[in-house]
C-alpha cells in the first residue's frame, strides 16, 4: 500500500511540475487561459506582445519558475534572461493561436 501512495504522489508532481519546453509551456497556457483571453492575444499584433510582459509575462515567470531554477525551459528558450524567455513563450502562444489549430480549448 505504501508504494501505491508514493506512485500517486509522483503522478501529482508530474502534473504540476514546471514545463521544460516552450511547447509544453504553451500547451499549459492554452488550458489555463479563458477563451476571451486567448482571443484577445490572438487579435494582437506580434510586435505588441511585449505589452503582455507586465501581467501574463510575470505570471509565466512565476508559475513556470523562470528564476534560473527551470534551466531546461530556459535552454528551450535559448536564453538566460527570464523576461526574454517569457516573451518567447507568449510569442509561441500567439503563433499557436494564429497559425495552428482553430480548436484550441
N, C-alpha and C. Protein backbone atom coordinates (compact mmCIF):
# COMPACT_ATOMS: atom_id res chain seq x y z
N UNK A 1 0.83 -1.20 0.00
CA UNK A 1 0.00 0.00 0.00
C UNK A 1 0.87 1.26 0.00
N UNK A 2 2.00 1.19 0.66
CA UNK A 2 2.89 2.33 0.72
C UNK A 2 3.38 2.72 -0.67
N UNK A 3 3.71 1.75 -1.52
CA UNK A 3 4.17 2.02 -2.88
C UNK A 3 3.09 2.68 -3.72
N UNK A 4 1.84 2.26 -3.54
CA UNK A 4 0.73 2.86 -4.29
C UNK A 4 0.60 4.34 -3.94
N UNK A 5 0.77 4.67 -2.67
CA UNK A 5 0.68 6.07 -2.25
C UNK A 5 1.81 6.88 -2.88
N UNK A 6 3.00 6.36 -2.90
CA UNK A 6 4.14 7.04 -3.50
C UNK A 6 3.92 7.25 -4.99
N UNK A 7 3.37 6.26 -5.67
CA UNK A 7 3.07 6.38 -7.09
C UNK A 7 2.09 7.52 -7.34
N UNK A 8 1.08 7.63 -6.50
CA UNK A 8 0.08 8.68 -6.61
C UNK A 8 0.73 10.05 -6.45
N UNK A 9 1.61 10.19 -5.47
CA UNK A 9 2.31 11.45 -5.24
C UNK A 9 3.17 11.80 -6.45
N UNK A 10 3.86 10.83 -7.02
CA UNK A 10 4.68 11.08 -8.20
C UNK A 10 3.82 11.53 -9.38
N UNK A 11 2.61 10.96 -9.53
CA UNK A 11 1.69 11.37 -10.59
C UNK A 11 1.29 12.83 -10.41
N UNK A 12 1.03 13.23 -9.18
CA UNK A 12 0.66 14.62 -8.91
C UNK A 12 1.81 15.55 -9.27
N UNK A 13 3.02 15.19 -8.86
CA UNK A 13 4.18 16.04 -9.18
C UNK A 13 4.39 16.15 -10.68
N UNK A 14 4.13 15.09 -11.43
CA UNK A 14 4.31 15.16 -12.87
C UNK A 14 3.30 16.10 -13.51
N UNK A 15 2.13 16.25 -12.90
CA UNK A 15 1.10 17.15 -13.43
C UNK A 15 1.46 18.60 -13.12
N UNK A 16 1.92 18.86 -11.91
CA UNK A 16 2.17 20.24 -11.51
C UNK A 16 3.62 20.68 -11.73
N UNK A 17 4.45 19.78 -12.19
CA UNK A 17 5.84 20.11 -12.47
C UNK A 17 5.91 21.21 -13.53
N UNK A 18 6.90 22.04 -13.44
CA UNK A 18 7.05 23.12 -14.42
C UNK A 18 7.32 22.57 -15.81
N UNK A 19 6.83 23.25 -16.83
CA UNK A 19 7.11 22.80 -18.20
C UNK A 19 8.60 22.92 -18.50
N UNK A 20 9.08 22.06 -19.38
CA UNK A 20 10.51 22.03 -19.68
C UNK A 20 10.83 22.56 -21.08
N UNK A 21 9.79 22.81 -21.88
CA UNK A 21 9.99 23.33 -23.23
C UNK A 21 8.97 24.43 -23.50
N UNK A 22 9.24 25.22 -24.52
CA UNK A 22 8.29 26.25 -24.91
C UNK A 22 6.95 25.61 -25.28
N UNK A 23 7.00 24.50 -26.03
CA UNK A 23 5.76 23.83 -26.43
C UNK A 23 4.95 23.38 -25.23
N UNK A 24 5.61 22.82 -24.22
CA UNK A 24 4.89 22.41 -23.01
C UNK A 24 4.28 23.63 -22.31
N UNK A 25 5.01 24.72 -22.24
CA UNK A 25 4.50 25.93 -21.60
C UNK A 25 3.28 26.47 -22.35
N UNK A 26 3.36 26.50 -23.68
CA UNK A 26 2.23 26.96 -24.49
C UNK A 26 1.03 26.05 -24.29
N UNK A 27 1.24 24.75 -24.26
CA UNK A 27 0.14 23.81 -24.04
C UNK A 27 -0.55 24.08 -22.71
N UNK A 28 0.21 24.36 -21.68
CA UNK A 28 -0.40 24.65 -20.37
C UNK A 28 -1.18 25.96 -20.41
N UNK A 29 -0.64 26.96 -21.09
CA UNK A 29 -1.35 28.23 -21.19
C UNK A 29 -2.67 28.06 -21.94
N UNK A 30 -2.67 27.23 -22.96
CA UNK A 30 -3.90 27.00 -23.73
C UNK A 30 -5.00 26.39 -22.86
N UNK A 31 -4.61 25.63 -21.86
CA UNK A 31 -5.58 25.03 -20.94
C UNK A 31 -6.01 26.05 -19.89
N UNK A 32 -5.09 26.87 -19.44
CA UNK A 32 -5.36 27.79 -18.34
C UNK A 32 -6.11 29.06 -18.74
N UNK A 33 -5.84 29.57 -19.91
CA UNK A 33 -6.44 30.84 -20.32
C UNK A 33 -7.89 30.64 -20.76
N UNK A 34 -8.70 31.64 -20.51
CA UNK A 34 -10.10 31.59 -20.96
C UNK A 34 -10.15 31.81 -22.47
N UNK A 35 -11.28 31.49 -23.06
CA UNK A 35 -11.46 31.71 -24.49
C UNK A 35 -11.31 33.20 -24.82
N UNK A 36 -11.83 34.06 -23.96
CA UNK A 36 -11.71 35.50 -24.17
C UNK A 36 -10.27 35.97 -24.13
N UNK A 37 -9.50 35.45 -23.17
CA UNK A 37 -8.08 35.82 -23.07
C UNK A 37 -7.31 35.34 -24.30
N UNK A 38 -7.61 34.12 -24.73
CA UNK A 38 -6.94 33.60 -25.93
C UNK A 38 -7.29 34.44 -27.15
N UNK A 39 -8.55 34.84 -27.27
CA UNK A 39 -8.98 35.65 -28.41
C UNK A 39 -8.30 37.02 -28.38
N UNK A 40 -8.19 37.62 -27.20
CA UNK A 40 -7.51 38.91 -27.09
C UNK A 40 -6.05 38.81 -27.53
N UNK A 41 -5.38 37.76 -27.13
CA UNK A 41 -3.98 37.55 -27.52
C UNK A 41 -3.90 37.29 -29.02
N UNK A 42 -4.80 36.49 -29.53
CA UNK A 42 -4.79 36.17 -30.96
C UNK A 42 -4.95 37.42 -31.81
N UNK A 43 -5.75 38.35 -31.36
CA UNK A 43 -6.04 39.56 -32.13
C UNK A 43 -4.92 40.60 -32.07
N UNK A 44 -3.96 40.42 -31.18
CA UNK A 44 -2.87 41.38 -31.05
C UNK A 44 -1.92 41.29 -32.24
N UNK A 45 -1.24 42.40 -32.52
CA UNK A 45 -0.15 42.38 -33.48
C UNK A 45 1.07 41.77 -32.79
N UNK A 46 1.86 41.02 -33.52
CA UNK A 46 3.00 40.34 -32.90
C UNK A 46 3.94 41.33 -32.21
N UNK A 47 4.14 42.50 -32.79
CA UNK A 47 5.02 43.50 -32.19
C UNK A 47 4.50 44.03 -30.85
N UNK A 48 3.19 43.88 -30.61
CA UNK A 48 2.59 44.37 -29.38
C UNK A 48 2.61 43.35 -28.23
N UNK A 49 3.07 42.14 -28.50
CA UNK A 49 3.07 41.11 -27.46
C UNK A 49 3.92 41.49 -26.26
N UNK A 50 4.92 42.32 -26.47
CA UNK A 50 5.77 42.78 -25.38
C UNK A 50 4.94 43.48 -24.29
N UNK A 51 3.79 44.03 -24.67
CA UNK A 51 2.93 44.70 -23.71
C UNK A 51 2.35 43.74 -22.67
N UNK A 52 2.38 42.44 -22.97
CA UNK A 52 1.87 41.43 -22.04
C UNK A 52 2.90 41.04 -20.98
N UNK A 53 4.10 41.59 -21.05
CA UNK A 53 5.17 41.23 -20.11
C UNK A 53 4.84 41.58 -18.66
N UNK A 54 4.04 42.62 -18.44
CA UNK A 54 3.79 43.07 -17.07
C UNK A 54 2.74 42.24 -16.36
N UNK A 55 1.87 41.55 -17.10
CA UNK A 55 0.87 40.72 -16.43
C UNK A 55 1.06 39.25 -16.79
N UNK A 56 0.82 38.87 -18.02
CA UNK A 56 0.98 37.47 -18.42
C UNK A 56 2.44 37.03 -18.30
N UNK A 57 3.35 37.87 -18.73
CA UNK A 57 4.77 37.52 -18.64
C UNK A 57 5.21 37.29 -17.20
N UNK A 58 4.75 38.15 -16.30
CA UNK A 58 5.09 38.00 -14.88
C UNK A 58 4.51 36.70 -14.33
N UNK A 59 3.27 36.40 -14.71
CA UNK A 59 2.64 35.16 -14.25
C UNK A 59 3.38 33.94 -14.78
N UNK A 60 3.83 34.00 -16.03
CA UNK A 60 4.60 32.89 -16.62
C UNK A 60 5.91 32.72 -15.87
N UNK A 61 6.61 33.83 -15.62
CA UNK A 61 7.90 33.74 -14.92
C UNK A 61 7.74 33.13 -13.54
N UNK A 62 6.66 33.48 -12.85
CA UNK A 62 6.43 32.96 -11.51
C UNK A 62 5.96 31.50 -11.54
N UNK A 63 4.94 31.22 -12.35
CA UNK A 63 4.34 29.88 -12.36
C UNK A 63 5.29 28.82 -12.94
N UNK A 64 6.07 29.21 -13.93
CA UNK A 64 6.97 28.25 -14.59
C UNK A 64 8.38 28.30 -14.03
N UNK A 65 8.57 29.00 -12.92
CA UNK A 65 9.82 29.08 -12.17
C UNK A 65 10.97 29.54 -13.06
N UNK A 66 10.76 30.66 -13.72
CA UNK A 66 11.81 31.21 -14.59
C UNK A 66 12.71 32.16 -13.81
N UNK A 67 13.30 31.65 -12.76
CA UNK A 67 14.25 32.44 -11.98
C UNK A 67 15.55 31.67 -11.89
N UNK A 68 15.94 31.11 -13.01
CA UNK A 68 17.15 30.31 -13.16
C UNK A 68 17.06 28.95 -12.48
N UNK A 69 15.89 28.56 -11.97
CA UNK A 69 15.70 27.22 -11.42
C UNK A 69 15.24 26.25 -12.50
N UNK A 70 14.45 26.73 -13.46
CA UNK A 70 13.94 25.87 -14.52
C UNK A 70 14.88 25.98 -15.73
N UNK A 71 16.04 25.40 -15.56
CA UNK A 71 17.10 25.50 -16.57
C UNK A 71 16.66 24.90 -17.90
N UNK A 72 15.93 23.80 -17.87
CA UNK A 72 15.51 23.16 -19.12
C UNK A 72 14.64 24.09 -19.96
N UNK A 73 13.72 24.80 -19.32
CA UNK A 73 12.87 25.73 -20.05
C UNK A 73 13.69 26.91 -20.57
N UNK A 74 14.62 27.39 -19.78
CA UNK A 74 15.48 28.48 -20.21
C UNK A 74 16.30 28.05 -21.43
N UNK A 75 16.79 26.82 -21.44
CA UNK A 75 17.54 26.30 -22.58
C UNK A 75 16.63 26.22 -23.80
N UNK A 76 15.39 25.76 -23.60
CA UNK A 76 14.42 25.68 -24.70
C UNK A 76 14.17 27.07 -25.29
N UNK A 77 14.20 28.09 -24.44
CA UNK A 77 14.02 29.47 -24.90
C UNK A 77 15.30 30.03 -25.51
N UNK A 78 16.39 29.31 -25.35
CA UNK A 78 17.69 29.76 -25.85
C UNK A 78 18.07 31.11 -25.24
N UNK A 79 17.79 31.24 -23.94
CA UNK A 79 18.06 32.49 -23.25
C UNK A 79 18.22 32.26 -21.76
N UNK A 80 19.06 33.07 -21.14
CA UNK A 80 19.17 33.03 -19.69
C UNK A 80 18.43 34.21 -19.05
N UNK A 81 17.83 35.04 -19.88
CA UNK A 81 17.07 36.19 -19.42
C UNK A 81 15.61 35.77 -19.22
N UNK A 82 15.10 35.92 -18.02
CA UNK A 82 13.75 35.45 -17.71
C UNK A 82 12.67 36.20 -18.50
N UNK A 83 12.85 37.49 -18.70
CA UNK A 83 11.86 38.25 -19.46
C UNK A 83 11.88 37.86 -20.93
N UNK A 84 13.04 37.64 -21.47
CA UNK A 84 13.14 37.21 -22.87
C UNK A 84 12.49 35.83 -23.04
N UNK A 85 12.71 34.96 -22.07
CA UNK A 85 12.13 33.62 -22.14
C UNK A 85 10.60 33.68 -22.05
N UNK A 86 10.07 34.49 -21.13
CA UNK A 86 8.61 34.58 -21.03
C UNK A 86 8.02 35.19 -22.30
N UNK A 87 8.73 36.12 -22.94
CA UNK A 87 8.24 36.69 -24.19
C UNK A 87 8.24 35.64 -25.30
N UNK A 88 9.24 34.78 -25.32
CA UNK A 88 9.27 33.71 -26.33
C UNK A 88 8.10 32.75 -26.13
N UNK A 89 7.73 32.51 -24.89
CA UNK A 89 6.58 31.65 -24.60
C UNK A 89 5.29 32.34 -25.07
N UNK A 90 5.17 33.63 -24.79
CA UNK A 90 4.00 34.39 -25.24
C UNK A 90 3.93 34.39 -26.77
N UNK A 91 5.07 34.55 -27.43
CA UNK A 91 5.10 34.52 -28.89
C UNK A 91 4.70 33.14 -29.41
N UNK A 92 5.16 32.10 -28.73
CA UNK A 92 4.75 30.74 -29.10
C UNK A 92 3.26 30.54 -28.97
N UNK A 93 2.69 31.10 -27.92
CA UNK A 93 1.25 31.05 -27.71
C UNK A 93 0.52 31.78 -28.84
N UNK A 94 1.00 32.97 -29.18
CA UNK A 94 0.39 33.77 -30.24
C UNK A 94 0.43 33.03 -31.58
N UNK A 95 1.57 32.42 -31.87
CA UNK A 95 1.71 31.65 -33.11
C UNK A 95 0.72 30.48 -33.12
N UNK A 96 0.62 29.79 -32.00
CA UNK A 96 -0.32 28.67 -31.90
C UNK A 96 -1.75 29.14 -32.13
N UNK A 97 -2.09 30.26 -31.55
CA UNK A 97 -3.45 30.78 -31.66
C UNK A 97 -3.76 31.28 -33.07
N UNK A 98 -2.77 31.77 -33.76
CA UNK A 98 -3.00 32.37 -35.08
C UNK A 98 -2.78 31.44 -36.26
N UNK A 99 -1.88 30.49 -36.13
CA UNK A 99 -1.50 29.72 -37.31
C UNK A 99 -1.71 28.21 -37.19
N UNK A 100 -2.06 27.76 -36.02
CA UNK A 100 -2.29 26.33 -35.84
C UNK A 100 -3.77 26.08 -35.62
N UNK A 101 -4.10 24.93 -35.13
CA UNK A 101 -5.49 24.51 -34.97
C UNK A 101 -6.38 25.60 -34.41
N UNK A 102 -7.55 25.76 -34.99
CA UNK A 102 -8.50 26.76 -34.53
C UNK A 102 -9.28 26.27 -33.31
N UNK A 103 -9.26 24.98 -33.05
CA UNK A 103 -9.96 24.42 -31.88
C UNK A 103 -8.93 24.17 -30.79
N UNK A 104 -8.61 25.20 -30.00
CA UNK A 104 -7.51 25.12 -29.05
C UNK A 104 -7.99 25.04 -27.60
N UNK A 105 -9.23 24.79 -27.37
CA UNK A 105 -9.71 24.74 -25.99
C UNK A 105 -9.36 23.43 -25.33
